[in-house]
Amino acid sequence: MAKGWYDSAVVEAPQRCTWCEGSDIYVAYHDNEWGRAVTDETRLFEKICLEGFQSGLSWITVLRKRESFREAFAGFDPTKVARFSEAKVDKLLTNAGIIRHRGKIESTINNAQRLNAMHKAGESLAAIVWSFADKANLPAPDSLGSLPASTAASTALSKTLKKQEWSFVGPTTMYAFMQSMGLVNDHFAGCHVRTACDRERRAILRSGVGDL
């Protein structure tokens, strides 16, 4: 076999945001989910709730427990979660598969009730959150240090949801939500999925979702 054959067969790993390095679950989340444009009501609701559970913790902690969360919270079906009783809350507090925090569990139930009220009023969560999406195509960050903890848009989104009595939706939590759901593209310059995320976000904006 010719010398150098192995060298020619080597495929370089794609360039990624550095925050996902060192964990297969984080790499998969980065490549397939983070920053991908989402308009599905259930997925948006789930992410707001999980970001609330993440408050004060690392996201990977929540990510590793996500399937347990989905099982515990009926797939984050807001109609079902809104009906959870006090006895159900007590039972969830014994579930080692999730983050056992009464305030965050009760917040998830409250937010399901708020979402149902929005739907009954003819509103959608997608339309509200996408009205705060980045429409200017902001420059790509080059490091974690260049990422803000919150922005004027995430603060405005937080205030809008709080007016409708949503909980655990502070500006920092809402910015993390916006990053993950594709409302803003914070993949680093050179990241191999940044272009696809830009394309998906622009397609959603062109569709008129968020034109309130």
Foldseek 3Di string as FASTA:
>chain_A
DDPCPVVVPDDDDADFAVVQPPDPLSVCCRQPFFQAADQDQQVLLLLLLLLLQCVVHDSVVSSVLVVVVCVLQVNSQLVRLLPDDPVSLVVVLVDPSGRNDSVSSVLSNVVSVLQVVCVVVVHTPQLLLLLLFDPPQDDEAAHPVVDDLFDPSLQVSLVVVVVSVRPSSHRSSSVSSCRRNNSHPHIHVRGPCSVVSVVNSVVVVVVVRNVD
